[in-house]
Amino acid sequence: MTLEAPMRCSALAEQLGEAVAGTVEQRVRWLLVEDHSAWGSEAVADVIGPDAAATAKSLALRVQLVRRREGPPEAGAPRRLTLIDTETRTMATRQIVSPAEIDAEAAASAAVEEFGEPVSGPIFLVCTNGKRDACCALRGRALMTELSAVEPESVWETTHLGGHRFAANLVCLPHGIVYGRVSPGDGPRLADAYRAGRLDTALLRGRSAWPAPAQVAEVELRTSLGLGGVDDLRLLAVHADGDEATVKFEVEGATHRLAMRSERGEPRPTSCRGDKLESPIHWRLA
């Protein structure tokens, strides 16, 4: 299967009916680095350096560049650096002058309350990194325009989140909830719901703190029980063995166990570049 113009990877994923649930790379901690430069395909490594980017990845620290406008900042202008722990749901921010000041090891392990000033949130991120994938520019910028009109102090453009074939992508922090295929009209609705402590399972890709089988199991259990509150369930355990997994949740004092199985899809392009075929793994109820 080849990706031919004007086909885009997000349109192809929709045509194939690819499920969005269970497609978020597991990362508990996020580090947001304010940056106004023109982002390339490897934007994070370009800004903080390849060594720091590799260290962050090895420590499962999700580093994202964020901005509200593009263009070179004034020389020596301070940048905001924000650390989020999606398990404890705590956030803190401080200012730096240069990305050279970033300590990935400290950000991955230090207590959030010791990192900087506390942030109450929420924070919304929209991937607009068109140099990484055209779908994020085409769909992400449209969502960013609509959402920033109603959330001017809370929404930020960001770099590659993974899963550009599910553009437009929206992240809700501090929970690390990630939505996919978000239309411009969906953005304000999802932001309002998140502020009210609710979520939408139809567009839910998953929570970044949880592994893929738990992300899918959450959608299945919420659909079965009609749960709409962000904190209506609590993940107790995930046991994975090859292509099988068991996920346990607690809901109102009751324990629910879901048996999951993974399937590998047909090889197809997962990027607008179309130069590499991948076989995405999808988890389903066994």
Foldseek 3Di string as FASTA:
>chain_A
DFADPPRFLLVVCVVVVPDLALFAAAAQKEKEKEDQEQAAQPRVCVALNPVLVVVLVVLSYHYKYWYDHHDHDDQQDWIKIKMAGQVVQWMFIDIDRGSPPDDSVCSSDPDRVVPHHTDDDWAKEWECNVNNAVLSVVFRVLLVVLQCVPCVPHYIYIHDRGQSSQPGWMAIPPNQWIFGVQGNVNNVVQVVQVVVQWHDLRGTHAHNNDHSQVRQVVSVVCVVVVDTGNPQKDWDDWDDDPQKIWTWIAGPNDIDIFIKGKDWADWFDSGRVRPDTGTDIHMDGD
